Amino acid sequence: MNLPVSLKTTANVLGLLLLIAAVAPFVVYAIPGVVGAEHGFVVLTASMTPAIAPGDVVIVDERDPTAIAEGDVITFVRGNNEVPVTHRVIDVVATDGGPAFETKGDANEGPDASLVAGTNVIGVVAVTIPYIGYVIQFAGSPLGFAALVVVPFGLLVLSELWVFVRDRDGAGTVGAAGASDDGTTPTDEFVFDDPEVSAAADGAESAPTEGPAMSAAGGHEPAQGDGTELSLDTVTGAGAVLAAFTPYSVYVAFQIRTALAVSVAIATSALLVGAVGVWLSGTGVLDRDASAQGDGRSPNDRTDNAVLDPVNAASDEKSIATDGSGSEDR
């Protein structure tokens, strides 16, 4: 029996590692700060092959122009051109305005036409992540957004709904199976089999014993009551905030379609689904519905016999055990 457990544990660990390995590059691109950089760009052309190919992602670290040396790969802009260029520095030229850089693509035959001023340099390439640029570009298209965001999120919602329905049906089946033929439940039998109630009915004197029924009648609160109430309040508040923010984040992700926006939309949507699930479980909505289906009565029609006062129950038993003359039949 130990071998299957060991194999299962190993498979779970390997699956987790593969998931981290698959997600980590996209996290680095969306949030370059996790590796100490500031920018992430998808390479579109083959001017830097074979070192950097189209579809690769470059993570760029901002650096003072005076610290850039020959051989560094830099990302820069040319004049008013908004599309950054990533080329290698082949020479550093001193000018009155500071250092300027002669650049060249590794796959190009000659250097770039003009020098790059230090003020136009975005930074130095720190990390190159191959191939994920294709996925990012695909995610930016309408088809890719639907395939990588809408469909997985829809499957997540359906999965959570299936779990709720399955748990509710399972609780209803257990409640129906627990009811006896005469309509009483195991809770009823437990209350009337209480030692204190039985002793009082027989006229025997015994010291009060604090059992589950006495605790309920005495008004003792469960130890976890305060924690549960606080947790539900927190979940309710968080769920309200997420319910307001999630539609907006999804709208922004659909409009700008960047990795960061898509990641935020997925995260907020998943958190909202989780918060709803925790709230439903914590409030017992599903349990009450399943219990009502189990005994055929609504929650308001059922009497919780577990909170009967043993003293009153004992008095009722003594009243029944009389011969009608007012004296106790012993």
C-alpha atoms as a PDB file:
ATOM      1  CA  MET A   1       0.000   0.000   0.000  1.00  0.00           C
ATOM      2  CA  ASN A   2       2.933   2.338   0.534  1.00  0.00           C
ATOM      3  CA  LEU A   3       4.035   2.124  -3.109  1.00  0.00           C
ATOM      4  CA  PRO A   4       0.869   3.651  -4.663  1.00  0.00           C
ATOM      5  CA  VAL A   5       0.929   6.477  -2.119  1.00  0.00           C
ATOM      6  CA  SER A   6       4.579   7.156  -2.889  1.00  0.00           C
ATOM      7  CA  LEU A   7       3.919   7.161  -6.628  1.00  0.00           C
ATOM      8  CA  LYS A   8       0.926   9.444  -6.191  1.00  0.00           C
ATOM      9  CA  THR A   9       2.946  11.868  -4.074  1.00  0.00           C
ATOM     10  CA  THR A  10       5.766  11.855  -6.609  1.00  0.00           C
ATOM     11  CA  ALA A  11       3.327  12.485  -9.448  1.00  0.00           C
ATOM     12  CA  ASN A  12       1.751  15.388  -7.545  1.00  0.00           C
ATOM     13  CA  VAL A  13       5.151  16.962  -6.882  1.00  0.00           C
ATOM     14  CA  LEU A  14       6.211  16.568 -10.506  1.00  0.00           C
ATOM     15  CA  GLY A  15       2.909  18.005 -11.693  1.00  0.00           C
ATOM     16  CA  LEU A  16       3.345  21.004  -9.400  1.00  0.00           C
ATOM     17  CA  LEU A  17       6.895  21.576 -10.645  1.00  0.00           C
ATOM     18  CA  LEU A  18       5.753  21.382 -14.271  1.00  0.00           C
ATOM     19  CA  LEU A  19       2.964  23.850 -13.559  1.00  0.00           C
ATOM     20  CA  ILE A  20       5.398  26.289 -11.953  1.00  0.00           C
ATOM     21  CA  ALA A  21       7.818  25.880 -14.863  1.00  0.00           C
ATOM     22  CA  ALA A  22       5.033  26.587 -17.355  1.00  0.00           C
ATOM     23  CA  VAL A  23       3.635  29.613 -15.536  1.00  0.00           C
ATOM     24  CA  ALA A  24       6.872  31.227 -14.310  1.00  0.00           C
ATOM     25  CA  PRO A  25       8.007  32.651 -17.700  1.00  0.00           C
ATOM     26  CA  PHE A  26       4.691  34.415 -18.203  1.00  0.00           C
ATOM     27  CA  VAL A  27       4.839  35.803 -14.672  1.00  0.00           C
ATOM     28  CA  VAL A  28       8.336  37.160 -15.354  1.00  0.00           C
ATOM     29  CA  TYR A  29       7.133  38.782 -18.584  1.00  0.00           C
ATOM     30  CA  ALA A  30       4.066  40.307 -16.935  1.00  0.00           C
ATOM     31  CA  ILE A  31       5.919  41.392 -13.789  1.00  0.00           C
ATOM     32  CA  PRO A  32       9.631  41.845 -14.624  1.00  0.00           C
ATOM     33  CA  GLY A  33      10.231  43.118 -11.120  1.00  0.00           C
ATOM     34  CA  VAL A  34      10.283  39.531  -9.815  1.00  0.00           C
ATOM     35  CA  VAL A  35      13.747  39.166 -11.396  1.00  0.00           C
ATOM     36  CA  GLY A  36      14.835  42.730 -10.677  1.00  0.00           C
ATOM     37  CA  ALA A  37      14.078  44.139 -14.140  1.00  0.00           C
ATOM     38  CA  GLU A  38      11.671  46.796 -15.336  1.00  0.00           C
ATOM     39  CA  HIS A  39      10.439  45.926 -18.847  1.00  0.00           C
ATOM     40  CA  GLY A  40       9.430  42.975 -20.997  1.00  0.00           C
ATOM     41  CA  PHE A  41       9.182  42.966 -24.809  1.00  0.00           C
ATOM     42  CA  VAL A  42       8.274  40.417 -27.477  1.00  0.00           C
ATOM     43  CA  VAL A  43      10.809  40.216 -30.319  1.00  0.00           C
ATOM     44  CA  LEU A  44       9.147  40.621 -33.724  1.00  0.00           C
ATOM     45  CA  THR A  45      12.011  40.402 -36.240  1.00  0.00           C
ATOM     46  CA  ALA A  46      15.001  38.157 -36.918  1.00  0.00           C
ATOM     47  CA  SER A  47      17.705  40.857 -36.822  1.00  0.00           C
ATOM     48  CA  MET A  48      19.260  39.364 -33.663  1.00  0.00           C
ATOM     49  CA  THR A  49      19.196  35.694 -34.640  1.00  0.00           C
ATOM     50  CA  PRO A  50      20.470  33.259 -33.561  1.00  0.00           C
ATOM     51  CA  ALA A  51      20.926  34.820 -30.118  1.00  0.00           C
ATOM     52  CA  ILE A  52      17.391  36.236 -30.020  1.00  0.00           C
ATOM     53  CA  ALA A  53      14.757  34.889 -32.400  1.00  0.00           C
ATOM     54  CA  PRO A  54      11.282  36.131 -33.318  1.00  0.00           C
ATOM     55  CA  GLY A  55       8.786  35.031 -30.695  1.00  0.00           C
ATOM     56  CA  ASP A  56      11.310  35.297 -27.879  1.00  0.00           C
ATOM     57  CA  VAL A  57      10.758  37.620 -24.942  1.00  0.00           C
ATOM     58  CA  VAL A  58      13.492  39.934 -23.672  1.00  0.00           C
ATOM     59  CA  ILE A  59      13.457  41.164 -20.078  1.00  0.00           C
ATOM     60  CA  VAL A  60      15.143  44.564 -19.943  1.00  0.00           C
ATOM     61  CA  ASP A  61      16.891  46.069 -16.937  1.00  0.00           C
ATOM     62  CA  GLU A  62      17.249  49.846 -16.785  1.00  0.00           C
ATOM     63  CA  ARG A  63      20.883  50.940 -16.568  1.00  0.00           C
ATOM     64  CA  ASP A  64      22.797  54.190 -16.554  1.00  0.00           C
ATOM     65  CA  PRO A  65      24.157  54.898 -20.055  1.00  0.00           C
ATOM     66  CA  THR A  66      27.660  55.353 -18.661  1.00  0.00           C
ATOM     67  CA  ALA A  67      27.571  51.732 -17.433  1.00  0.00           C
ATOM     68  CA  ILE A  68      26.765  50.290 -20.864  1.00  0.00           C
ATOM     69  CA  ALA A  69      29.737  48.697 -22.596  1.00  0.00           C
ATOM     70  CA  GLU A  70      30.560  47.289 -26.002  1.00  0.00           C
ATOM     71  CA  GLY A  71      28.948  43.887 -26.497  1.00  0.00           C
ATOM     72  CA  ASP A  72      25.861  44.622 -24.387  1.00  0.00           C
ATOM     73  CA  VAL A  73      22.478  44.020 -25.996  1.00  0.00           C
ATOM     74  CA  ILE A  74      20.328  47.091 -25.454  1.00  0.00           C
ATOM     75  CA  THR A  75      16.719  48.011 -26.126  1.00  0.00           C
ATOM     76  CA  PHE A  76      16.149  51.543 -27.357  1.00  0.00           C
ATOM     77  CA  VAL A  77      13.807  53.775 -29.353  1.00  0.00           C
ATOM     78  CA  ARG A  78      14.633  55.813 -32.435  1.00  0.00           C
ATOM     79  CA  GLY A  79      13.266  59.353 -32.322  1.00  0.00           C
ATOM     80  CA  ASN A  80       9.483  59.308 -32.154  1.00  0.00           C
ATOM     81  CA  ASN A  81       9.229  55.645 -33.119  1.00  0.00           C
ATOM     82  CA  GLU A  82       7.181  53.915 -30.418  1.00  0.00           C
ATOM     83  CA  VAL A  83       8.382  50.398 -31.328  1.00  0.00           C
ATOM     84  CA  PRO A  84      11.538  49.567 -29.332  1.00  0.00           C
ATOM     85  CA  VAL A  85      14.556  48.033 -31.075  1.00  0.00           C
ATOM     86  CA  THR A  86      16.886  45.463 -29.525  1.00  0.00           C
ATOM     87  CA  HIS A  87      20.409  45.395 -31.008  1.00  0.00           C
ATOM     88  CA  ARG A  88      23.946  44.807 -29.832  1.00  0.00           C
ATOM     89  CA  VAL A  89      26.341  47.653 -28.976  1.00  0.00           C
ATOM     90  CA  ILE A  90      29.417  47.480 -31.213  1.00  0.00           C
ATOM     91  CA  ASP A  91      30.968  50.794 -30.163  1.00  0.00           C
ATOM     92  CA  VAL A  92      30.593  53.484 -27.504  1.00  0.00           C
ATOM     93  CA  VAL A  93      31.103  57.051 -28.769  1.00  0.00           C
ATOM     94  CA  ALA A  94      31.708  59.999 -26.458  1.00  0.00           C
ATOM     95  CA  THR A  95      29.662  63.089 -27.356  1.00  0.00           C
ATOM     96  CA  ASP A  96      28.971  66.459 -25.748  1.00  0.00           C
ATOM     97  CA  GLY A  97      25.589  65.160 -24.589  1.00  0.00           C
ATOM     98  CA  GLY A  98      27.045  62.004 -23.048  1.00  0.00           C
ATOM     99  CA  PRO A  99      27.801  58.571 -24.413  1.00  0.00           C
ATOM    100  CA  ALA A 100      26.168  57.441 -27.663  1.00  0.00           C
ATOM    101  CA  PHE A 101      26.098  53.910 -29.002  1.00  0.00           C
ATOM    102  CA  GLU A 102      26.703  52.380 -32.393  1.00  0.00           C
ATOM    103  CA  THR A 103      24.462  49.332 -32.689  1.00  0.00           C
ATOM    104  CA  LYS A 104      24.012  46.401 -35.038  1.00  0.00           C
ATOM    105  CA  GLY A 105      21.747  43.411 -35.298  1.00  0.00           C
ATOM    106  CA  ASP A 106      23.670  40.130 -35.137  1.00  0.00           C
ATOM    107  CA  ALA A 107      22.011  38.946 -38.356  1.00  0.00           C
ATOM    108  CA  ASN A 108      22.448  42.261 -40.195  1.00  0.00           C
ATOM    109  CA  GLU A 109      25.340  42.858 -42.581  1.00  0.00           C
ATOM    110  CA  GLY A 110      26.117  46.386 -41.408  1.00  0.00           C
ATOM    111  CA  PRO A 111      25.604  48.654 -38.400  1.00  0.00           C
ATOM    112  CA  ASP A 112      22.535  50.763 -37.855  1.00  0.00           C
ATOM    113  CA  ALA A 113      22.346  54.031 -39.786  1.00  0.00           C
ATOM    114  CA  SER A 114      22.600  56.375 -36.796  1.00  0.00           C
ATOM    115  CA  LEU A 115      24.006  56.479 -33.305  1.00  0.00           C
ATOM    116  CA  VAL A 116      21.724  55.869 -30.341  1.00  0.00           C
ATOM    117  CA  ALA A 117      21.764  58.644 -27.744  1.00  0.00           C
ATOM    118  CA  GLY A 118      21.974  57.594 -24.132  1.00  0.00           C
ATOM    119  CA  THR A 119      18.622  59.253 -23.429  1.00  0.00           C
ATOM    120  CA  ASN A 120      16.942  56.916 -25.929  1.00  0.00           C
ATOM    121  CA  VAL A 121      18.162  53.751 -24.251  1.00  0.00           C
ATOM    122  CA  ILE A 122      15.476  51.867 -22.323  1.00  0.00           C
ATOM    123  CA  GLY A 123      17.854  49.365 -20.782  1.00  0.00           C
ATOM    124  CA  VAL A 124      20.067  46.326 -21.185  1.00  0.00           C
ATOM    125  CA  VAL A 125      18.679  42.875 -21.964  1.00  0.00           C
ATOM    126  CA  ALA A 126      19.024  40.814 -18.791  1.00  0.00           C
ATOM    127  CA  VAL A 127      17.066  37.660 -19.646  1.00  0.00           C
ATOM    128  CA  THR A 128      15.826  36.090 -22.867  1.00  0.00           C
ATOM    129  CA  ILE A 129      12.867  33.687 -22.668  1.00  0.00           C
ATOM    130  CA  PRO A 130      12.391  31.707 -25.887  1.00  0.00           C
ATOM    131  CA  TYR A 131       9.113  31.036 -27.691  1.00  0.00           C
ATOM    132  CA  ILE A 132       6.610  32.420 -25.175  1.00  0.00           C
ATOM    133  CA  GLY A 133       6.166  35.507 -27.331  1.00  0.00           C
ATOM    134  CA  TYR A 134       4.109  33.382 -29.720  1.00  0.00           C
ATOM    135  CA  VAL A 135       1.727  32.507 -26.903  1.00  0.00           C
ATOM    136  CA  ILE A 136       1.529  36.133 -25.777  1.00  0.00           C
ATOM    137  CA  GLN A 137       0.777  37.342 -29.293  1.00  0.00           C
ATOM    138  CA  PHE A 138      -1.853  34.636 -29.721  1.00  0.00           C
ATOM    139  CA  ALA A 139      -3.433  35.645 -26.399  1.00  0.00           C
ATOM    140  CA  GLY A 140      -3.676  39.190 -27.728  1.00  0.00           C
ATOM    141  CA  SER A 141      -5.899  38.110 -30.606  1.00  0.00           C
ATOM    142  CA  PRO A 142      -9.677  37.630 -30.169  1.00  0.00           C
ATOM    143  CA  LEU A 143      -9.409  33.887 -30.815  1.00  0.00           C
ATOM    144  CA  GLY A 144      -6.492  33.516 -28.434  1.00  0.00           C
ATOM    145  CA  PHE A 145      -8.232  35.511 -25.719  1.00  0.00           C
ATOM    146  CA  ALA A 146     -11.257  33.247 -25.981  1.00  0.00           C
ATOM    147  CA  ALA A 147      -9.173  30.058 -26.025  1.00  0.00           C
ATOM    148  CA  LEU A 148      -6.771  30.970 -23.224  1.00  0.00           C
ATOM    149  CA  VAL A 149      -8.997  33.076 -20.954  1.00  0.00           C
ATOM    150  CA  VAL A 150     -12.715  32.687 -21.595  1.00  0.00           C
ATOM    151  CA  VAL A 151     -12.793  28.899 -22.048  1.00  0.00           C
ATOM    152  CA  PRO A 152     -10.578  28.023 -19.027  1.00  0.00           C
ATOM    153  CA  PHE A 153     -12.517  30.422 -16.825  1.00  0.00           C
ATOM    154  CA  GLY A 154     -15.816  28.933 -17.996  1.00  0.00           C
ATOM    155  CA  LEU A 155     -14.543  25.429 -17.216  1.00  0.00           C
ATOM    156  CA  LEU A 156     -13.468  26.627 -13.767  1.00  0.00           C
ATOM    157  CA  VAL A 157     -16.930  28.012 -13.041  1.00  0.00           C
ATOM    158  CA  LEU A 158     -18.617  24.821 -14.272  1.00  0.00           C
ATOM    159  CA  SER A 159     -16.282  22.729 -12.125  1.00  0.00           C
ATOM    160  CA  GLU A 160     -17.119  24.729  -8.996  1.00  0.00           C
ATOM    161  CA  LEU A 161     -20.850  24.519  -9.715  1.00  0.00           C
ATOM    162  CA  TRP A 162     -20.568  20.758 -10.193  1.00  0.00           C
ATOM    163  CA  VAL A 163     -18.861  20.413  -6.805  1.00  0.00           C
ATOM    164  CA  PHE A 164     -21.654  22.417  -5.124  1.00  0.00           C
ATOM    165  CA  VAL A 165     -24.395  20.339  -6.758  1.00  0.00           C
ATOM    166  CA  ARG A 166     -22.649  17.060  -5.950  1.00  0.00           C
ATOM    167  CA  ASP A 167     -22.148  18.003  -2.289  1.00  0.00           C
ATOM    168  CA  ARG A 168     -25.776  19.116  -1.965  1.00  0.00           C
ATOM    169  CA  ASP A 169     -27.101  15.908  -3.507  1.00  0.00           C
ATOM    170  CA  GLY A 170     -24.804  13.840  -1.312  1.00  0.00           C
ATOM    171  CA  ALA A 171     -25.985  15.605   1.843  1.00  0.00           C
ATOM    172  CA  GLY A 172     -29.624  15.071   0.822  1.00  0.00           C
ATOM    173  CA  THR A 173     -29.026  11.341   0.321  1.00  0.00           C
ATOM    174  CA  VAL A 174     -27.398  11.005   3.736  1.00  0.00           C
ATOM    175  CA  GLY A 175     -30.261  12.916   5.389  1.00  0.00           C
ATOM    176  CA  ALA A 176     -32.898  10.692   3.789  1.00  0.00           C
ATOM    177  CA  ALA A 177     -31.053   7.488   4.722  1.00  0.00           C
ATOM    178  CA  GLY A 178     -30.676   8.624   8.340  1.00  0.00           C
ATOM    179  CA  ALA A 179     -34.442   9.012   8.912  1.00  0.00           C
ATOM    180  CA  SER A 180     -36.190   6.011  10.540  1.00  0.00           C
ATOM    181  CA  ASP A 181     -39.480   4.422   9.440  1.00  0.00           C
ATOM    182  CA  ASP A 182     -41.539   6.138  12.147  1.00  0.00           C
ATOM    183  CA  GLY A 183     -40.338   9.604  11.161  1.00  0.00           C
ATOM    184  CA  THR A 184     -37.871  10.040  14.032  1.00  0.00           C
ATOM    185  CA  THR A 185     -34.251  10.841  13.398  1.00  0.00           C
ATOM    186  CA  PRO A 186     -31.094   9.691  15.167  1.00  0.00           C
ATOM    187  CA  THR A 187     -31.120  13.061  16.927  1.00  0.00           C
ATOM    188  CA  ASP A 188     -34.488  12.256  18.529  1.00  0.00           C
ATOM    189  CA  GLU A 189     -33.267   8.918  19.843  1.00  0.00           C
ATOM    190  CA  PHE A 190     -30.134  10.475  21.270  1.00  0.00           C
ATOM    191  CA  VAL A 191     -32.078  13.052  23.278  1.00  0.00           C
ATOM    192  CA  PHE A 192     -34.488  10.614  24.876  1.00  0.00           C
ATOM    193  CA  ASP A 193     -31.752   8.110  25.600  1.00  0.00           C
ATOM    194  CA  ASP A 194     -29.905  10.746  27.624  1.00  0.00           C
ATOM    195  CA  PRO A 195     -28.979   9.202  31.021  1.00  0.00           C
ATOM    196  CA  GLU A 196     -30.276  12.189  32.977  1.00  0.00           C
ATOM    197  CA  VAL A 197     -33.672  12.142  31.269  1.00  0.00           C
ATOM    198  CA  SER A 198     -34.046   8.391  31.794  1.00  0.00           C
ATOM    199  CA  ALA A 199     -33.099   8.663  35.459  1.00  0.00           C
ATOM    200  CA  ALA A 200     -35.576  11.485  36.060  1.00  0.00           C
ATOM    201  CA  ALA A 201     -38.369   9.492  34.427  1.00  0.00           C
ATOM    202  CA  ASP A 202     -37.738   6.562  36.806  1.00  0.00           C
ATOM    203  CA  GLY A 203     -37.815   8.842  39.852  1.00  0.00           C
ATOM    204  CA  ALA A 204     -34.147   8.348  40.626  1.00  0.00           C
ATOM    205  CA  GLU A 205     -32.106  11.266  41.869  1.00  0.00           C
ATOM    206  CA  SER A 206     -28.862  12.037  40.115  1.00  0.00           C
ATOM    207  CA  ALA A 207     -26.488  14.948  39.911  1.00  0.00           C
ATOM    208  CA  PRO A 208     -26.956  17.104  36.816  1.00  0.00           C
ATOM    209  CA  THR A 209     -24.742  15.914  34.049  1.00  0.00           C
ATOM    210  CA  GLU A 210     -23.781  18.427  31.395  1.00  0.00           C
ATOM    211  CA  GLY A 211     -24.211  16.573  28.109  1.00  0.00           C
ATOM    212  CA  PRO A 212     -24.730  17.848  24.633  1.00  0.00           C
ATOM    213  CA  ALA A 213     -28.413  18.612  25.347  1.00  0.00           C
ATOM    214  CA  MET A 214     -27.627  20.465  28.580  1.00  0.00           C
ATOM    215  CA  SER A 215     -24.938  22.497  26.858  1.00  0.00           C
ATOM    216  CA  ALA A 216     -27.359  23.537  24.165  1.00  0.00           C
ATOM    217  CA  ALA A 217     -30.118  24.370  26.664  1.00  0.00           C
ATOM    218  CA  GLY A 218     -27.739  26.309  28.892  1.00  0.00           C
ATOM    219  CA  GLY A 219     -26.849  28.638  26.054  1.00  0.00           C
ATOM    220  CA  HIS A 220     -23.199  27.664  25.760  1.00  0.00           C
ATOM    221  CA  GLU A 221     -21.815  28.809  22.425  1.00  0.00           C
ATOM    222  CA  PRO A 222     -19.503  26.600  20.366  1.00  0.00           C
ATOM    223  CA  ALA A 223     -15.854  27.514  20.669  1.00  0.00           C
ATOM    224  CA  GLN A 224     -15.541  28.170  16.984  1.00  0.00           C
ATOM    225  CA  GLY A 225     -18.588  30.408  16.712  1.00  0.00           C
ATOM    226  CA  ASP A 226     -16.757  33.707  16.895  1.00  0.00           C
ATOM    227  CA  GLY A 227     -14.053  32.609  14.449  1.00  0.00           C
ATOM    228  CA  THR A 228     -16.597  31.376  11.934  1.00  0.00           C
ATOM    229  CA  GLU A 229     -18.596  34.580  12.142  1.00  0.00           C
ATOM    230  CA  LEU A 230     -15.488  36.703  11.644  1.00  0.00           C
ATOM    231  CA  SER A 231     -14.364  34.555   8.725  1.00  0.00           C
ATOM    232  CA  LEU A 232     -17.748  34.812   7.026  1.00  0.00           C
ATOM    233  CA  ASP A 233     -17.784  38.579   7.467  1.00  0.00           C
ATOM    234  CA  THR A 234     -14.339  38.795   5.917  1.00  0.00           C
ATOM    235  CA  VAL A 235     -15.291  36.552   3.020  1.00  0.00           C
ATOM    236  CA  THR A 236     -18.507  38.513   2.453  1.00  0.00           C
ATOM    237  CA  GLY A 237     -16.645  41.815   2.324  1.00  0.00           C
ATOM    238  CA  ALA A 238     -13.938  40.445   0.054  1.00  0.00           C
ATOM    239  CA  GLY A 239     -16.555  38.889  -2.206  1.00  0.00           C
ATOM    240  CA  ALA A 240     -18.383  42.209  -2.526  1.00  0.00           C
ATOM    241  CA  VAL A 241     -15.175  43.972  -3.551  1.00  0.00           C
ATOM    242  CA  LEU A 242     -14.276  41.213  -6.008  1.00  0.00           C
ATOM    243  CA  ALA A 243     -17.792  41.247  -7.473  1.00  0.00           C
ATOM    244  CA  ALA A 244     -17.358  44.932  -8.280  1.00  0.00           C
ATOM    245  CA  PHE A 245     -13.766  44.668  -9.531  1.00  0.00           C
ATOM    246  CA  THR A 246     -13.896  41.426 -11.550  1.00  0.00           C
ATOM    247  CA  PRO A 247     -16.140  42.679 -14.410  1.00  0.00           C
ATOM    248  CA  TYR A 248     -13.937  45.757 -14.779  1.00  0.00           C
ATOM    249  CA  SER A 249     -10.715  43.712 -14.838  1.00  0.00           C
ATOM    250  CA  VAL A 250     -12.178  41.373 -17.466  1.00  0.00           C
ATOM    251  CA  TYR A 251     -13.241  44.384 -19.552  1.00  0.00           C
ATOM    252  CA  VAL A 252      -9.763  45.934 -19.322  1.00  0.00           C
ATOM    253  CA  ALA A 253      -8.123  42.617 -20.235  1.00  0.00           C
ATOM    254  CA  PHE A 254     -10.363  42.307 -23.279  1.00  0.00           C
ATOM    255  CA  GLN A 255      -9.594  45.864 -24.381  1.00  0.00           C
ATOM    256  CA  ILE A 256      -5.811  46.084 -23.983  1.00  0.00           C
ATOM    257  CA  ARG A 257      -4.980  42.336 -23.992  1.00  0.00           C
ATOM    258  CA  THR A 258      -1.658  42.506 -22.211  1.00  0.00           C
ATOM    259  CA  ALA A 259      -0.249  39.672 -20.132  1.00  0.00           C
ATOM    260  CA  LEU A 260      -0.589  41.649 -16.914  1.00  0.00           C
ATOM    261  CA  ALA A 261      -4.212  42.605 -17.589  1.00  0.00           C
ATOM    262  CA  VAL A 262      -5.134  39.025 -18.501  1.00  0.00           C
ATOM    263  CA  SER A 263      -3.392  37.682 -15.385  1.00  0.00           C
ATOM    264  CA  VAL A 264      -5.265  40.130 -13.163  1.00  0.00           C
ATOM    265  CA  ALA A 265      -8.584  39.225 -14.796  1.00  0.00           C
ATOM    266  CA  ILE A 266      -8.009  35.499 -14.294  1.00  0.00           C
ATOM    267  CA  ALA A 267      -6.847  35.968 -10.706  1.00  0.00           C
ATOM    268  CA  THR A 268      -9.783  38.147  -9.670  1.00  0.00           C
ATOM    269  CA  SER A 269     -12.282  35.845 -11.372  1.00  0.00           C
ATOM    270  CA  ALA A 270     -10.845  32.769  -9.652  1.00  0.00           C
ATOM    271  CA  LEU A 271     -10.836  34.539  -6.290  1.00  0.00           C
ATOM    272  CA  LEU A 272     -14.464  35.573  -6.769  1.00  0.00           C
ATOM    273  CA  VAL A 273     -15.510  31.995  -7.531  1.00  0.00           C
ATOM    274  CA  GLY A 274     -13.582  30.768  -4.494  1.00  0.00           C
ATOM    275  CA  ALA A 275     -15.121  33.416  -2.244  1.00  0.00           C
ATOM    276  CA  VAL A 276     -18.625  32.449  -3.366  1.00  0.00           C
ATOM    277  CA  GLY A 277     -17.848  28.798  -2.667  1.00  0.00           C
ATOM    278  CA  VAL A 278     -16.510  29.527   0.821  1.00  0.00           C
ATOM    279  CA  TRP A 279     -19.504  31.746   1.583  1.00  0.00           C
ATOM    280  CA  LEU A 280     -21.993  29.070   0.510  1.00  0.00           C
ATOM    281  CA  SER A 281     -20.210  26.442   2.578  1.00  0.00           C
ATOM    282  CA  GLY A 282     -19.828  28.680   5.619  1.00  0.00           C
ATOM    283  CA  THR A 283     -23.439  29.857   5.713  1.00  0.00           C
ATOM    284  CA  GLY A 284     -24.750  26.305   5.374  1.00  0.00           C
ATOM    285  CA  VAL A 285     -27.170  27.208   2.588  1.00  0.00           C
ATOM    286  CA  LEU A 286     -26.521  23.966   0.763  1.00  0.00           C
ATOM    287  CA  ASP A 287     -26.699  21.928   3.986  1.00  0.00           C
ATOM    288  CA  ARG A 288     -30.075  23.398   4.937  1.00  0.00           C
ATOM    289  CA  ASP A 289     -31.487  22.708   1.502  1.00  0.00           C
ATOM    290  CA  ALA A 290     -30.215  19.140   1.569  1.00  0.00           C
ATOM    291  CA  SER A 291     -31.599  18.580   5.082  1.00  0.00           C
ATOM    292  CA  ALA A 292     -35.005  19.874   4.043  1.00  0.00           C
ATOM    293  CA  GLN A 293     -35.041  17.450   1.128  1.00  0.00           C
ATOM    294  CA  GLY A 294     -33.997  14.617   3.421  1.00  0.00           C
ATOM    295  CA  ASP A 295     -36.978  14.729   5.816  1.00  0.00           C
ATOM    296  CA  GLY A 296     -39.573  16.328   3.521  1.00  0.00           C
ATOM    297  CA  ARG A 297     -40.040  19.386   5.707  1.00  0.00           C
ATOM    298  CA  SER A 298     -38.855  22.946   5.402  1.00  0.00           C
ATOM    299  CA  PRO A 299     -36.200  24.206   7.838  1.00  0.00           C
ATOM    300  CA  ASN A 300     -38.829  26.351   9.642  1.00  0.00           C
ATOM    301  CA  ASP A 301     -41.127  23.363  10.248  1.00  0.00           C
ATOM    302  CA  ARG A 302     -38.510  21.171  11.902  1.00  0.00           C
ATOM    303  CA  THR A 303     -38.004  21.151  15.672  1.00  0.00           C
ATOM    304  CA  ASP A 304     -34.487  20.706  16.919  1.00  0.00           C
ATOM    305  CA  ASN A 305     -34.995  18.178  19.706  1.00  0.00           C
ATOM    306  CA  ALA A 306     -31.336  18.425  20.636  1.00  0.00           C
ATOM    307  CA  VAL A 307     -32.066  21.616  22.606  1.00  0.00           C
ATOM    308  CA  LEU A 308     -34.785  20.171  24.835  1.00  0.00           C
ATOM    309  CA  ASP A 309     -34.236  20.997  28.476  1.00  0.00           C
ATOM    310  CA  PRO A 310     -33.568  17.729  30.383  1.00  0.00           C
ATOM    311  CA  VAL A 311     -35.205  19.184  33.511  1.00  0.00           C
ATOM    312  CA  ASN A 312     -38.459  19.936  31.701  1.00  0.00           C
ATOM    313  CA  ALA A 313     -38.320  16.568  30.023  1.00  0.00           C
ATOM    314  CA  ALA A 314     -37.917  14.914  33.400  1.00  0.00           C
ATOM    315  CA  SER A 315     -40.896  16.832  34.785  1.00  0.00           C
ATOM    316  CA  ASP A 316     -43.031  15.666  31.883  1.00  0.00           C
ATOM    317  CA  GLU A 317     -42.036  12.065  32.493  1.00  0.00           C
ATOM    318  CA  LYS A 318     -42.938  12.337  36.206  1.00  0.00           C
ATOM    319  CA  SER A 319     -46.328  13.807  35.388  1.00  0.00           C
ATOM    320  CA  ILE A 320     -47.098  10.868  33.150  1.00  0.00           C
ATOM    321  CA  ALA A 321     -46.069   8.345  35.818  1.00  0.00           C
ATOM    322  CA  THR A 322     -48.949   9.079  38.280  1.00  0.00           C
ATOM    323  CA  ASP A 323     -52.025   7.077  39.236  1.00  0.00           C
ATOM    324  CA  GLY A 324     -54.390  10.053  38.805  1.00  0.00           C
ATOM    325  CA  SER A 325     -54.768  10.787  42.533  1.00  0.00           C
ATOM    326  CA  GLY A 326     -51.962  13.287  42.636  1.00  0.00           C
ATOM    327  CA  SER A 327     -49.515  10.895  44.316  1.00  0.00           C
ATOM    328  CA  GLU A 328     -46.583   9.458  42.525  1.00  0.00           C
ATOM    329  CA  ASP A 329     -46.881   5.815  41.520  1.00  0.00           C
ATOM    330  CA  ARG A 330     -43.771   4.115  42.832  1.00  0.00           C
END
